[in-house]
PDB file of all heavy atoms in Angstrom:
ATOM      1  N   GLU A   1     -23.727 -13.862 -19.492  1.00  0.00           N
ATOM      2  CA  GLU A   1     -23.457 -14.775 -20.675  1.00  0.00           C
ATOM      3  C   GLU A   1     -22.050 -15.294 -20.695  1.00  0.00           C
ATOM      4  O   GLU A   1     -21.873 -16.458 -20.874  1.00  0.00           O
ATOM      5  CB  GLU A   1     -23.782 -14.010 -21.945  1.00  0.00           C
ATOM      6  CG  GLU A   1     -23.567 -14.814 -23.230  1.00  0.00           C
ATOM      7  CD  GLU A   1     -23.736 -14.026 -24.478  1.00  0.00           C
ATOM      8  OE1 GLU A   1     -24.059 -12.789 -24.383  1.00  0.00           O
ATOM      9  OE2 GLU A   1     -23.575 -14.603 -25.604  1.00  0.00           O
ATOM     10  N   LYS A   2     -21.170 -14.381 -20.441  1.00  0.00           N
ATOM     11  CA  LYS A   2     -19.749 -14.804 -20.355  1.00  0.00           C
ATOM     12  C   LYS A   2     -19.450 -15.762 -19.262  1.00  0.00           C
ATOM     13  O   LYS A   2     -18.699 -16.712 -19.368  1.00  0.00           O
ATOM     14  CB  LYS A   2     -18.898 -13.545 -20.175  1.00  0.00           C
ATOM     15  CG  LYS A   2     -17.436 -13.730 -20.372  1.00  0.00           C
ATOM     16  CD  LYS A   2     -16.704 -12.443 -20.375  1.00  0.00           C
ATOM     17  CE  LYS A   2     -15.234 -12.616 -20.574  1.00  0.00           C
ATOM     18  NZ  LYS A   2     -14.457 -11.362 -20.569  1.00  0.00           N
ATOM     19  N   LEU A   3     -20.161 -15.500 -18.111  1.00  0.00           N
ATOM     20  CA  LEU A   3     -20.031 -16.444 -16.825  1.00  0.00           C
ATOM     21  C   LEU A   3     -20.600 -17.758 -17.244  1.00  0.00           C
ATOM     22  O   LEU A   3     -19.955 -18.813 -16.878  1.00  0.00           O
ATOM     23  CB  LEU A   3     -20.801 -15.809 -15.730  1.00  0.00           C
ATOM     24  CG  LEU A   3     -20.678 -16.567 -14.421  1.00  0.00           C
ATOM     25  CD1 LEU A   3     -19.232 -16.582 -13.867  1.00  0.00           C
ATOM     26  CD2 LEU A   3     -21.649 -16.023 -13.400  1.00  0.00           C
ATOM     27  N   LEU A   4     -21.731 -17.856 -18.015  1.00  0.00           N
ATOM     28  CA  LEU A   4     -22.293 -19.168 -18.401  1.00  0.00           C
ATOM     29  C   LEU A   4     -21.386 -19.879 -19.337  1.00  0.00           C
ATOM     30  O   LEU A   4     -21.190 -21.093 -19.212  1.00  0.00           O
ATOM     31  CB  LEU A   4     -23.649 -18.898 -19.020  1.00  0.00           C
ATOM     32  CG  LEU A   4     -24.364 -20.139 -19.501  1.00  0.00           C
ATOM     33  CD1 LEU A   4     -24.599 -21.136 -18.366  1.00  0.00           C
ATOM     34  CD2 LEU A   4     -25.797 -19.742 -20.105  1.00  0.00           C
ATOM     35  N   LEU A   5     -20.772 -19.216 -20.254  1.00  0.00           N
ATOM     36  CA  LEU A   5     -19.761 -19.803 -21.103  1.00  0.00           C
ATOM     37  C   LEU A   5     -18.552 -20.327 -20.436  1.00  0.00           C
ATOM     38  O   LEU A   5     -18.007 -21.468 -20.735  1.00  0.00           O
ATOM     39  CB  LEU A   5     -19.387 -18.830 -22.213  1.00  0.00           C
ATOM     40  CG  LEU A   5     -20.410 -18.466 -23.297  1.00  0.00           C
ATOM     41  CD1 LEU A   5     -19.936 -17.333 -24.085  1.00  0.00           C
ATOM     42  CD2 LEU A   5     -20.836 -19.650 -24.098  1.00  0.00           C
ATOM     43  N   SER A   6     -18.156 -19.644 -19.356  1.00  0.00           N
ATOM     44  CA  SER A   6     -17.105 -20.147 -18.530  1.00  0.00           C
ATOM     45  C   SER A   6     -17.436 -21.366 -17.750  1.00  0.00           C
ATOM     46  O   SER A   6     -16.697 -22.314 -17.629  1.00  0.00           O
ATOM     47  CB  SER A   6     -16.708 -19.018 -17.502  1.00  0.00           C
ATOM     48  OG  SER A   6     -15.729 -19.418 -16.621  1.00  0.00           O
ATOM     49  N   ALA A   7     -18.741 -21.414 -17.254  1.00  0.00           N
ATOM     50  CA  ALA A   7     -19.164 -22.640 -16.572  1.00  0.00           C
ATOM     51  C   ALA A   7     -19.232 -23.839 -17.458  1.00  0.00           C
ATOM     52  O   ALA A   7     -18.902 -24.958 -17.074  1.00  0.00           O
ATOM     53  CB  ALA A   7     -20.533 -22.399 -15.970  1.00  0.00           C
ATOM     54  N   ILE A   8     -19.721 -23.592 -18.731  1.00  0.00           N
ATOM     55  CA  ILE A   8     -19.685 -24.680 -19.716  1.00  0.00           C
ATOM     56  C   ILE A   8     -18.268 -25.203 -20.009  1.00  0.00           C
ATOM     57  O   ILE A   8     -17.998 -26.419 -20.183  1.00  0.00           O
ATOM     58  CB  ILE A   8     -20.392 -24.211 -20.993  1.00  0.00           C
ATOM     59  CG1 ILE A   8     -21.889 -23.925 -20.763  1.00  0.00           C
ATOM     60  CG2 ILE A   8     -20.257 -25.228 -22.164  1.00  0.00           C
ATOM     61  CD1 ILE A   8     -22.542 -23.176 -21.863  1.00  0.00           C
ATOM     62  N   ALA A   9     -17.314 -24.210 -20.132  1.00  0.00           N
ATOM     63  CA  ALA A   9     -15.916 -24.654 -20.294  1.00  0.00           C
ATOM     64  C   ALA A   9     -15.384 -25.454 -19.157  1.00  0.00           C
ATOM     65  O   ALA A   9     -14.588 -26.366 -19.323  1.00  0.00           O
ATOM     66  CB  ALA A   9     -15.073 -23.448 -20.656  1.00  0.00           C
ATOM     67  N   ASN A  10     -15.698 -25.043 -17.957  1.00  0.00           N
ATOM     68  CA  ASN A  10     -15.271 -25.709 -16.765  1.00  0.00           C
ATOM     69  C   ASN A  10     -15.898 -27.124 -16.742  1.00  0.00           C
ATOM     70  O   ASN A  10     -15.259 -28.158 -16.395  1.00  0.00           O
ATOM     71  CB  ASN A  10     -15.730 -24.999 -15.498  1.00  0.00           C
ATOM     72  CG  ASN A  10     -14.996 -23.604 -15.291  1.00  0.00           C
ATOM     73  OD1 ASN A  10     -13.981 -23.453 -15.945  1.00  0.00           O
ATOM     74  ND2 ASN A  10     -15.563 -22.848 -14.464  1.00  0.00           N
ATOM     75  N   TRP A  11     -17.116 -27.265 -17.113  1.00  0.00           N
ATOM     76  CA  TRP A  11     -17.735 -28.617 -17.224  1.00  0.00           C
ATOM     77  C   TRP A  11     -16.992 -29.410 -18.218  1.00  0.00           C
ATOM     78  O   TRP A  11     -16.740 -30.631 -17.994  1.00  0.00           O
ATOM     79  CB  TRP A  11     -19.249 -28.496 -17.601  1.00  0.00           C
ATOM     80  CG  TRP A  11     -19.936 -29.773 -17.559  1.00  0.00           C
ATOM     81  CD1 TRP A  11     -20.528 -30.388 -16.561  1.00  0.00           C
ATOM     82  CD2 TRP A  11     -20.002 -30.700 -18.674  1.00  0.00           C
ATOM     83  NE1 TRP A  11     -21.048 -31.672 -16.914  1.00  0.00           N
ATOM     84  CE2 TRP A  11     -20.742 -31.791 -18.202  1.00  0.00           C
ATOM     85  CE3 TRP A  11     -19.619 -30.723 -19.999  1.00  0.00           C
ATOM     86  CZ2 TRP A  11     -21.059 -32.910 -18.998  1.00  0.00           C
ATOM     87  CZ3 TRP A  11     -19.929 -31.790 -20.784  1.00  0.00           C
ATOM     88  CH2 TRP A  11     -20.682 -32.853 -20.314  1.00  0.00           C
ATOM     89  N   GLY A  12     -16.652 -28.913 -19.314  1.00  0.00           N
ATOM     90  CA  GLY A  12     -15.863 -29.615 -20.368  1.00  0.00           C
ATOM     91  C   GLY A  12     -14.494 -30.094 -19.884  1.00  0.00           C
ATOM     92  O   GLY A  12     -14.052 -31.146 -20.247  1.00  0.00           O
ATOM     93  N   GLN A  13     -13.843 -29.256 -19.016  1.00  0.00           N
ATOM     94  CA  GLN A  13     -12.551 -29.649 -18.441  1.00  0.00           C
ATOM     95  C   GLN A  13     -12.747 -30.838 -17.519  1.00  0.00           C
ATOM     96  O   GLN A  13     -11.884 -31.715 -17.438  1.00  0.00           O
ATOM     97  CB  GLN A  13     -11.921 -28.478 -17.720  1.00  0.00           C
ATOM     98  CG  GLN A  13     -11.316 -27.475 -18.723  1.00  0.00           C
ATOM     99  CD  GLN A  13     -10.218 -28.003 -19.418  1.00  0.00           C
ATOM    100  OE1 GLN A  13      -9.300 -28.625 -18.918  1.00  0.00           O
ATOM    101  NE2 GLN A  13     -10.093 -27.654 -20.781  1.00  0.00           N
ATOM    102  N   LYS A  14     -13.799 -30.803 -16.709  1.00  0.00           N
ATOM    103  CA  LYS A  14     -14.024 -31.875 -15.718  1.00  0.00           C
ATOM    104  C   LYS A  14     -14.410 -33.226 -16.466  1.00  0.00           C
ATOM    105  O   LYS A  14     -14.095 -34.257 -15.897  1.00  0.00           O
ATOM    106  CB  LYS A  14     -15.182 -31.521 -14.769  1.00  0.00           C
ATOM    107  CG  LYS A  14     -14.781 -30.569 -13.649  1.00  0.00           C
ATOM    108  CD  LYS A  14     -15.864 -30.447 -12.697  1.00  0.00           C
ATOM    109  CE  LYS A  14     -15.476 -29.765 -11.429  1.00  0.00           C
ATOM    110  NZ  LYS A  14     -16.523 -29.618 -10.465  1.00  0.00           N
ATOM    111  N   ASN A  15     -15.154 -33.187 -17.528  1.00  0.00           N
ATOM    112  CA  ASN A  15     -15.674 -34.359 -18.164  1.00  0.00           C
ATOM    113  C   ASN A  15     -15.033 -34.398 -19.564  1.00  0.00           C
ATOM    114  O   ASN A  15     -15.630 -34.194 -20.534  1.00  0.00           O
ATOM    115  CB  ASN A  15     -17.196 -34.286 -18.360  1.00  0.00           C
ATOM    116  CG  ASN A  15     -17.866 -34.052 -16.980  1.00  0.00           C
ATOM    117  OD1 ASN A  15     -17.824 -34.892 -16.106  1.00  0.00           O
ATOM    118  ND2 ASN A  15     -18.547 -32.952 -16.832  1.00  0.00           N
ATOM    119  N   GLU A  16     -13.733 -34.841 -19.593  1.00  0.00           N
ATOM    120  CA  GLU A  16     -13.047 -34.932 -20.850  1.00  0.00           C
ATOM    121  C   GLU A  16     -13.676 -36.074 -21.727  1.00  0.00           C
ATOM    122  O   GLU A  16     -13.942 -37.149 -21.138  1.00  0.00           O
ATOM    123  CB  GLU A  16     -11.577 -35.125 -20.623  1.00  0.00           C
ATOM    124  CG  GLU A  16     -10.947 -33.836 -20.016  1.00  0.00           C
ATOM    125  CD  GLU A  16      -9.439 -33.830 -20.223  1.00  0.00           C
ATOM    126  OE1 GLU A  16      -8.945 -34.509 -21.171  1.00  0.00           O
ATOM    127  OE2 GLU A  16      -8.786 -33.211 -19.441  1.00  0.00           O
ATOM    128  N   GLY A  17     -13.755 -35.920 -22.867  1.00  0.00           N
ATOM    129  CA  GLY A  17     -14.340 -36.880 -23.767  1.00  0.00           C
ATOM    130  C   GLY A  17     -15.842 -36.767 -23.955  1.00  0.00           C
ATOM    131  O   GLY A  17     -16.391 -37.345 -24.906  1.00  0.00           O
ATOM    132  N   ALA A  18     -16.538 -36.096 -23.040  1.00  0.00           N
ATOM    133  CA  ALA A  18     -17.987 -35.929 -23.101  1.00  0.00           C
ATOM    134  C   ALA A  18     -18.266 -34.664 -23.975  1.00  0.00           C
ATOM    135  O   ALA A  18     -17.487 -33.690 -23.815  1.00  0.00           O
ATOM    136  CB  ALA A  18     -18.584 -35.775 -21.688  1.00  0.00           C
ATOM    137  N   ARG A  19     -19.345 -34.731 -24.752  1.00  0.00           N
ATOM    138  CA  ARG A  19     -19.757 -33.593 -25.594  1.00  0.00           C
ATOM    139  C   ARG A  19     -20.852 -32.810 -24.916  1.00  0.00           C
ATOM    140  O   ARG A  19     -21.759 -33.314 -24.277  1.00  0.00           O
ATOM    141  CB  ARG A  19     -20.161 -34.094 -26.954  1.00  0.00           C
ATOM    142  CG  ARG A  19     -19.082 -34.785 -27.678  1.00  0.00           C
ATOM    143  CD  ARG A  19     -19.496 -35.107 -29.106  1.00  0.00           C
ATOM    144  NE  ARG A  19     -19.995 -33.837 -29.759  1.00  0.00           N
ATOM    145  CZ  ARG A  19     -20.663 -33.871 -30.919  1.00  0.00           C
ATOM    146  NH1 ARG A  19     -20.955 -34.989 -31.456  1.00  0.00           N
ATOM    147  NH2 ARG A  19     -21.050 -32.704 -31.368  1.00  0.00           N
ATOM    148  N   VAL A  20     -20.741 -31.492 -24.970  1.00  0.00           N
ATOM    149  CA  VAL A  20     -21.677 -30.608 -24.393  1.00  0.00           C
ATOM    150  C   VAL A  20     -23.124 -30.806 -24.955  1.00  0.00           C
ATOM    151  O   VAL A  20     -24.103 -30.809 -24.221  1.00  0.00           O
ATOM    152  CB  VAL A  20     -21.202 -29.172 -24.477  1.00  0.00           C
ATOM    153  CG1 VAL A  20     -22.236 -28.168 -23.925  1.00  0.00           C
ATOM    154  CG2 VAL A  20     -19.889 -28.927 -23.785  1.00  0.00           C
ATOM    155  N   GLU A  21     -23.133 -30.994 -26.250  1.00  0.00           N
ATOM    156  CA  GLU A  21     -24.415 -31.196 -26.929  1.00  0.00           C
ATOM    157  C   GLU A  21     -25.205 -32.419 -26.413  1.00  0.00           C
ATOM    158  O   GLU A  21     -26.410 -32.385 -26.329  1.00  0.00           O
ATOM    159  CB  GLU A  21     -24.280 -31.174 -28.513  1.00  0.00           C
ATOM    160  CG  GLU A  21     -23.701 -29.934 -29.045  1.00  0.00           C
ATOM    161  CD  GLU A  21     -22.150 -29.920 -29.002  1.00  0.00           C
ATOM    162  OE1 GLU A  21     -21.528 -30.933 -28.737  1.00  0.00           O
ATOM    163  OE2 GLU A  21     -21.610 -28.775 -29.116  1.00  0.00           O
ATOM    164  N   GLU A  22     -24.483 -33.491 -26.135  1.00  0.00           N
ATOM    165  CA  GLU A  22     -25.141 -34.738 -25.797  1.00  0.00           C
ATOM    166  C   GLU A  22     -25.366 -34.818 -24.265  1.00  0.00           C
ATOM    167  O   GLU A  22     -26.216 -35.684 -23.872  1.00  0.00           O
ATOM    168  CB  GLU A  22     -24.195 -35.953 -26.202  1.00  0.00           C
ATOM    169  CG  GLU A  22     -24.025 -36.033 -27.697  1.00  0.00           C
ATOM    170  CD  GLU A  22     -22.930 -37.046 -28.072  1.00  0.00           C
ATOM    171  OE1 GLU A  22     -22.335 -37.604 -27.121  1.00  0.00           O
ATOM    172  OE2 GLU A  22     -22.769 -37.252 -29.268  1.00  0.00           O
ATOM    173  N   ALA A  23     -24.743 -33.991 -23.477  1.00  0.00           N
ATOM    174  CA  ALA A  23     -24.901 -34.036 -22.040  1.00  0.00           C
ATOM    175  C   ALA A  23     -26.182 -33.432 -21.510  1.00  0.00           C
ATOM    176  O   ALA A  23     -26.507 -33.592 -20.331  1.00  0.00           O
ATOM    177  CB  ALA A  23     -23.667 -33.352 -21.354  1.00  0.00           C
ATOM    178  N   GLU A  24     -26.906 -32.603 -22.334  1.00  0.00           N
ATOM    179  CA  GLU A  24     -28.125 -31.910 -21.921  1.00  0.00           C
ATOM    180  C   GLU A  24     -27.868 -31.070 -20.695  1.00  0.00           C
ATOM    181  O   GLU A  24     -28.497 -31.233 -19.661  1.00  0.00           O
ATOM    182  CB  GLU A  24     -29.292 -32.884 -21.683  1.00  0.00           C
ATOM    183  CG  GLU A  24     -29.710 -33.740 -22.910  1.00  0.00           C
ATOM    184  CD  GLU A  24     -30.810 -34.649 -22.530  1.00  0.00           C
ATOM    185  OE1 GLU A  24     -31.539 -34.436 -21.500  1.00  0.00           O
ATOM    186  OE2 GLU A  24     -31.046 -35.572 -23.341  1.00  0.00           O
ATOM    187  N   LEU A  25     -26.908 -30.153 -20.772  1.00  0.00           N
ATOM    188  CA  LEU A  25     -26.524 -29.300 -19.681  1.00  0.00           C
ATOM    189  C   LEU A  25     -27.791 -28.364 -19.338  1.00  0.00           C
ATOM    190  O   LEU A  25     -28.368 -27.880 -20.260  1.00  0.00           O
ATOM    191  CB  LEU A  25     -25.281 -28.461 -20.010  1.00  0.00           C
ATOM    192  CG  LEU A  25     -23.975 -29.268 -20.033  1.00  0.00           C
ATOM    193  CD1 LEU A  25     -22.829 -28.336 -20.337  1.00  0.00           C
ATOM    194  CD2 LEU A  25     -23.737 -29.941 -18.676  1.00  0.00           C
ATOM    195  N   PHE A  26     -27.863 -28.049 -18.058  1.00  0.00           N
ATOM    196  CA  PHE A  26     -28.873 -27.016 -17.712  1.00  0.00           C
ATOM    197  C   PHE A  26     -28.265 -26.167 -16.514  1.00  0.00           C
ATOM    198  O   PHE A  26     -27.311 -26.645 -15.837  1.00  0.00           O
ATOM    199  CB  PHE A  26     -30.218 -27.686 -17.327  1.00  0.00           C
ATOM    200  CG  PHE A  26     -30.100 -28.450 -15.995  1.00  0.00           C
ATOM    201  CD1 PHE A  26     -30.662 -27.897 -14.807  1.00  0.00           C
ATOM    202  CD2 PHE A  26     -29.577 -29.750 -15.945  1.00  0.00           C
ATOM    203  CE1 PHE A  26     -30.612 -28.622 -13.684  1.00  0.00           C
ATOM    204  CE2 PHE A  26     -29.500 -30.457 -14.742  1.00  0.00           C
ATOM    205  CZ  PHE A  26     -29.979 -29.851 -13.607  1.00  0.00           C
ATOM    206  N   VAL A  27     -28.928 -25.019 -16.306  1.00  0.00           N
ATOM    207  CA  VAL A  27     -28.469 -24.186 -15.151  1.00  0.00           C
ATOM    208  C   VAL A  27     -28.960 -24.690 -13.934  1.00  0.00           C
ATOM    209  O   VAL A  27     -30.248 -24.517 -13.688  1.00  0.00           O
ATOM    210  CB  VAL A  27     -28.820 -22.738 -15.450  1.00  0.00           C
ATOM    211  CG1 VAL A  27     -28.302 -21.784 -14.363  1.00  0.00           C
ATOM    212  CG2 VAL A  27     -28.207 -22.261 -16.814  1.00  0.00           C
ATOM    213  N   LYS A  28     -28.244 -25.344 -13.092  1.00  0.00           N
ATOM    214  CA  LYS A  28     -28.700 -25.972 -11.881  1.00  0.00           C
ATOM    215  C   LYS A  28     -29.018 -24.949 -10.857  1.00  0.00           C
ATOM    216  O   LYS A  28     -30.101 -24.947 -10.178  1.00  0.00           O
ATOM    217  CB  LYS A  28     -27.761 -27.058 -11.441  1.00  0.00           C
ATOM    218  CG  LYS A  28     -28.146 -27.722 -10.114  1.00  0.00           C
ATOM    219  CD  LYS A  28     -27.168 -28.818  -9.809  1.00  0.00           C
ATOM    220  CE  LYS A  28     -27.604 -29.606  -8.684  1.00  0.00           C
ATOM    221  NZ  LYS A  28     -26.534 -30.555  -8.186  1.00  0.00           N
ATOM    222  N   THR A  29     -28.070 -24.130 -10.561  1.00  0.00           N
ATOM    223  CA  THR A  29     -28.211 -23.101  -9.505  1.00  0.00           C
ATOM    224  C   THR A  29     -27.500 -21.857  -9.979  1.00  0.00           C
ATOM    225  O   THR A  29     -26.440 -21.955 -10.582  1.00  0.00           O
ATOM    226  CB  THR A  29     -27.519 -23.576  -8.161  1.00  0.00           C
ATOM    227  OG1 THR A  29     -27.972 -24.864  -7.850  1.00  0.00           O
ATOM    228  CG2 THR A  29     -27.785 -22.624  -7.049  1.00  0.00           C
ATOM    229  N   VAL A  30     -28.115 -20.795  -9.676  1.00  0.00           N
ATOM    230  CA  VAL A  30     -27.496 -19.475  -9.904  1.00  0.00           C
ATOM    231  C   VAL A  30     -27.972 -18.506  -8.887  1.00  0.00           C
ATOM    232  O   VAL A  30     -29.234 -18.429  -8.634  1.00  0.00           O
ATOM    233  CB  VAL A  30     -27.696 -18.904 -11.351  1.00  0.00           C
ATOM    234  CG1 VAL A  30     -29.130 -18.750 -11.730  1.00  0.00           C
ATOM    235  CG2 VAL A  30     -26.969 -17.682 -11.588  1.00  0.00           C
ATOM    236  N   PHE A  31     -27.083 -17.782  -8.147  1.00  0.00           N
ATOM    237  CA  PHE A  31     -27.510 -16.830  -7.182  1.00  0.00           C
ATOM    238  C   PHE A  31     -26.565 -15.618  -7.183  1.00  0.00           C
ATOM    239  O   PHE A  31     -25.497 -15.653  -7.674  1.00  0.00           O
ATOM    240  CB  PHE A  31     -27.629 -17.427  -5.829  1.00  0.00           C
ATOM    241  CG  PHE A  31     -26.362 -18.116  -5.319  1.00  0.00           C
ATOM    242  CD1 PHE A  31     -25.444 -17.434  -4.603  1.00  0.00           C
ATOM    243  CD2 PHE A  31     -26.217 -19.485  -5.578  1.00  0.00           C
ATOM    244  CE1 PHE A  31     -24.305 -18.095  -4.138  1.00  0.00           C
ATOM    245  CE2 PHE A  31     -25.023 -20.084  -5.145  1.00  0.00           C
ATOM    246  CZ  PHE A  31     -24.111 -19.423  -4.388  1.00  0.00           C
ATOM    247  N   VAL A  32     -27.161 -14.517  -6.666  1.00  0.00           N
ATOM    248  CA  VAL A  32     -26.399 -13.212  -6.619  1.00  0.00           C
ATOM    249  C   VAL A  32     -26.301 -12.755  -5.170  1.00  0.00           C
ATOM    250  O   VAL A  32     -27.295 -12.708  -4.458  1.00  0.00           O
ATOM    251  CB  VAL A  32     -27.112 -12.131  -7.441  1.00  0.00           C
ATOM    252  CG1 VAL A  32     -26.372 -10.842  -7.408  1.00  0.00           C
ATOM    253  CG2 VAL A  32     -27.286 -12.582  -8.913  1.00  0.00           C
ATOM    254  N   ASP A  33     -25.103 -12.445  -4.724  1.00  0.00           N
ATOM    255  CA  ASP A  33     -24.879 -11.883  -3.431  1.00  0.00           C
ATOM    256  C   ASP A  33     -24.343 -10.503  -3.591  1.00  0.00           C
ATOM    257  O   ASP A  33     -23.656 -10.243  -4.532  1.00  0.00           O
ATOM    258  CB  ASP A  33     -23.823 -12.741  -2.605  1.00  0.00           C
ATOM    259  CG  ASP A  33     -24.312 -14.169  -2.376  1.00  0.00           C
ATOM    260  OD1 ASP A  33     -25.509 -14.307  -2.155  1.00  0.00           O
ATOM    261  OD2 ASP A  33     -23.484 -15.053  -2.356  1.00  0.00           O
ATOM    262  N   SER A  34     -24.626  -9.635  -2.605  1.00  0.00           N
ATOM    263  CA  SER A  34     -24.038  -8.261  -2.640  1.00  0.00           C
ATOM    264  C   SER A  34     -22.570  -8.258  -2.349  1.00  0.00           C
ATOM    265  O   SER A  34     -22.139  -9.016  -1.468  1.00  0.00           O
ATOM    266  CB  SER A  34     -24.832  -7.365  -1.810  1.00  0.00           C
ATOM    267  OG  SER A  34     -24.743  -7.708  -0.444  1.00  0.00           O
ATOM    268  N   GLY A  35     -21.828  -7.437  -3.024  1.00  0.00           N
ATOM    269  CA  GLY A  35     -20.435  -7.277  -2.766  1.00  0.00           C
ATOM    270  C   GLY A  35     -20.128  -6.013  -2.035  1.00  0.00           C
ATOM    271  O   GLY A  35     -20.938  -5.468  -1.321  1.00  0.00           O
ATOM    272  N   ALA A  36     -18.922  -5.528  -2.234  1.00  0.00           N
ATOM    273  CA  ALA A  36     -18.486  -4.296  -1.559  1.00  0.00           C
ATOM    274  C   ALA A  36     -19.239  -3.118  -2.183  1.00  0.00           C
ATOM    275  O   ALA A  36     -19.734  -3.071  -3.240  1.00  0.00           O
ATOM    276  CB  ALA A  36     -16.978  -4.071  -1.810  1.00  0.00           C
ATOM    277  N   MET A  37     -19.414  -2.053  -1.263  1.00  0.00           N
ATOM    278  CA  MET A  37     -20.111  -0.900  -1.712  1.00  0.00           C
ATOM    279  C   MET A  37     -19.311   0.282  -1.582  1.00  0.00           C
ATOM    280  O   MET A  37     -18.581   0.583  -0.535  1.00  0.00           O
ATOM    281  CB  MET A  37     -21.335  -0.789  -0.759  1.00  0.00           C
ATOM    282  CG  MET A  37     -22.332   0.305  -1.198  1.00  0.00           C
ATOM    283  SD  MET A  37     -23.642   0.492  -0.012  1.00  0.00           S
ATOM    284  CE  MET A  37     -24.187  -1.082   0.434  1.00  0.00           C
ATOM    285  N   LEU A  38     -19.172   0.995  -2.697  1.00  0.00           N
ATOM    286  CA  LEU A  38     -18.351   2.304  -2.731  1.00  0.00           C
ATOM    287  C   LEU A  38     -19.233   3.370  -2.272  1.00  0.00           C
ATOM    288  O   LEU A  38     -20.362   3.584  -2.841  1.00  0.00           O
ATOM    289  CB  LEU A  38     -17.807   2.595  -4.148  1.00  0.00           C
ATOM    290  CG  LEU A  38     -16.811   1.587  -4.752  1.00  0.00           C
ATOM    291  CD1 LEU A  38     -16.577   2.015  -6.154  1.00  0.00           C
ATOM    292  CD2 LEU A  38     -15.547   1.555  -3.944  1.00  0.00           C
ATOM    293  N   LYS A  39     -18.818   4.181  -1.269  1.00  0.00           N
ATOM    294  CA  LYS A  39     -19.650   5.250  -0.735  1.00  0.00           C
ATOM    295  C   LYS A  39     -19.134   6.563  -1.182  1.00  0.00           C
ATOM    296  O   LYS A  39     -17.963   6.893  -0.974  1.00  0.00           O
ATOM    297  CB  LYS A  39     -19.760   5.184   0.728  1.00  0.00           C
ATOM    298  CG  LYS A  39     -20.468   3.865   1.201  1.00  0.00           C
ATOM    299  CD  LYS A  39     -20.477   3.705   2.713  1.00  0.00           C
ATOM    300  CE  LYS A  39     -21.199   2.464   3.008  1.00  0.00           C
ATOM    301  NZ  LYS A  39     -21.175   2.228   4.505  1.00  0.00           N
ATOM    302  N   ARG A  40     -19.942   7.357  -1.858  1.00  0.00           N
ATOM    303  CA  ARG A  40     -19.601   8.625  -2.429  1.00  0.00           C
ATOM    304  C   ARG A  40     -20.437   9.695  -1.853  1.00  0.00           C
ATOM    305  O   ARG A  40     -21.547   9.412  -1.363  1.00  0.00           O
ATOM    306  CB  ARG A  40     -19.541   8.644  -3.929  1.00  0.00           C
ATOM    307  CG  ARG A  40     -18.683   7.588  -4.573  1.00  0.00           C
ATOM    308  CD  ARG A  40     -17.252   7.988  -4.412  1.00  0.00           C
ATOM    309  NE  ARG A  40     -16.375   7.044  -5.076  1.00  0.00           N
ATOM    310  CZ  ARG A  40     -15.633   6.159  -4.438  1.00  0.00           C
ATOM    311  NH1 ARG A  40     -15.741   5.950  -3.079  1.00  0.00           N
ATOM    312  NH2 ARG A  40     -14.787   5.338  -5.076  1.00  0.00           N
ATOM    313  N   VAL A  41     -20.066  10.958  -2.013  1.00  0.00           N
ATOM    314  CA  VAL A  41     -20.920  12.074  -1.548  1.00  0.00           C
ATOM    315  C   VAL A  41     -21.240  12.984  -2.647  1.00  0.00           C
ATOM    316  O   VAL A  41     -20.299  13.325  -3.472  1.00  0.00           O
ATOM    317  CB  VAL A  41     -20.191  12.865  -0.425  1.00  0.00           C
ATOM    318  CG1 VAL A  41     -20.885  14.049   0.004  1.00  0.00           C
ATOM    319  CG2 VAL A  41     -19.801  12.012   0.755  1.00  0.00           C
ATOM    320  N   LEU A  42     -22.510  13.395  -2.773  1.00  0.00           N
ATOM    321  CA  LEU A  42     -22.917  14.345  -3.808  1.00  0.00           C
ATOM    322  C   LEU A  42     -23.360  15.631  -3.159  1.00  0.00           C
ATOM    323  O   LEU A  42     -24.161  15.585  -2.246  1.00  0.00           O
ATOM    324  CB  LEU A  42     -24.170  13.621  -4.604  1.00  0.00           C
ATOM    325  CG  LEU A  42     -24.691  14.454  -5.723  1.00  0.00           C
ATOM    326  CD1 LEU A  42     -23.723  14.477  -6.816  1.00  0.00           C
ATOM    327  CD2 LEU A  42     -26.051  13.982  -6.137  1.00  0.00           C
ATOM    328  N   PRO A  43     -22.820  16.711  -3.513  1.00  0.00           N
ATOM    329  CA  PRO A  43     -23.213  18.009  -2.874  1.00  0.00           C
ATOM    330  C   PRO A  43     -24.695  18.262  -3.158  1.00  0.00           C
ATOM    331  O   PRO A  43     -25.192  18.030  -4.216  1.00  0.00           O
ATOM    332  CB  PRO A  43     -22.288  19.053  -3.657  1.00  0.00           C
ATOM    333  CG  PRO A  43     -21.234  18.222  -4.272  1.00  0.00           C
ATOM    334  CD  PRO A  43     -21.694  16.887  -4.504  1.00  0.00           C
ATOM    335  N   ALA A  44     -25.305  18.821  -2.174  1.00  0.00           N
ATOM    336  CA  ALA A  44     -26.773  19.123  -2.215  1.00  0.00           C
ATOM    337  C   ALA A  44     -26.980  20.589  -1.770  1.00  0.00           C
ATOM    338  O   ALA A  44     -26.021  21.198  -1.271  1.00  0.00           O
ATOM    339  CB  ALA A  44     -27.431  18.132  -1.217  1.00  0.00           C
ATOM    340  N   PRO A  45     -28.113  21.072  -2.020  1.00  0.00           N
ATOM    341  CA  PRO A  45     -28.410  22.553  -1.693  1.00  0.00           C
ATOM    342  C   PRO A  45     -28.262  22.834  -0.162  1.00  0.00           C
ATOM    343  O   PRO A  45     -28.389  21.917   0.706  1.00  0.00           O
ATOM    344  CB  PRO A  45     -29.856  22.694  -2.100  1.00  0.00           C
ATOM    345  CG  PRO A  45     -30.196  21.593  -3.054  1.00  0.00           C
ATOM    346  CD  PRO A  45     -29.334  20.527  -2.596  1.00  0.00           C
ATOM    347  N   GLN A  46     -28.023  24.027   0.135  1.00  0.00           N
ATOM    348  CA  GLN A  46     -27.801  24.601   1.489  1.00  0.00           C
ATOM    349  C   GLN A  46     -26.742  23.915   2.246  1.00  0.00           C
ATOM    350  O   GLN A  46     -26.888  23.643   3.518  1.00  0.00           O
ATOM    351  CB  GLN A  46     -29.160  24.553   2.185  1.00  0.00           C
ATOM    352  CG  GLN A  46     -30.276  25.288   1.496  1.00  0.00           C
ATOM    353  CD  GLN A  46     -31.609  25.264   2.237  1.00  0.00           C
ATOM    354  OE1 GLN A  46     -31.730  24.583   3.232  1.00  0.00           O
ATOM    355  NE2 GLN A  46     -32.560  26.009   1.695  1.00  0.00           N
TER     356      GLN A  46
END
């Protein structure tokens, strides 16, 4: 949600004078990539 609000604000900066309500904004593309992985060790029996 915070990321979407940031994207709306970025659109507002690019299109000065245009209103968000009148522009009919939609989520064009959104994707998730894997990032860094922290590897930890959990003690186990034996």
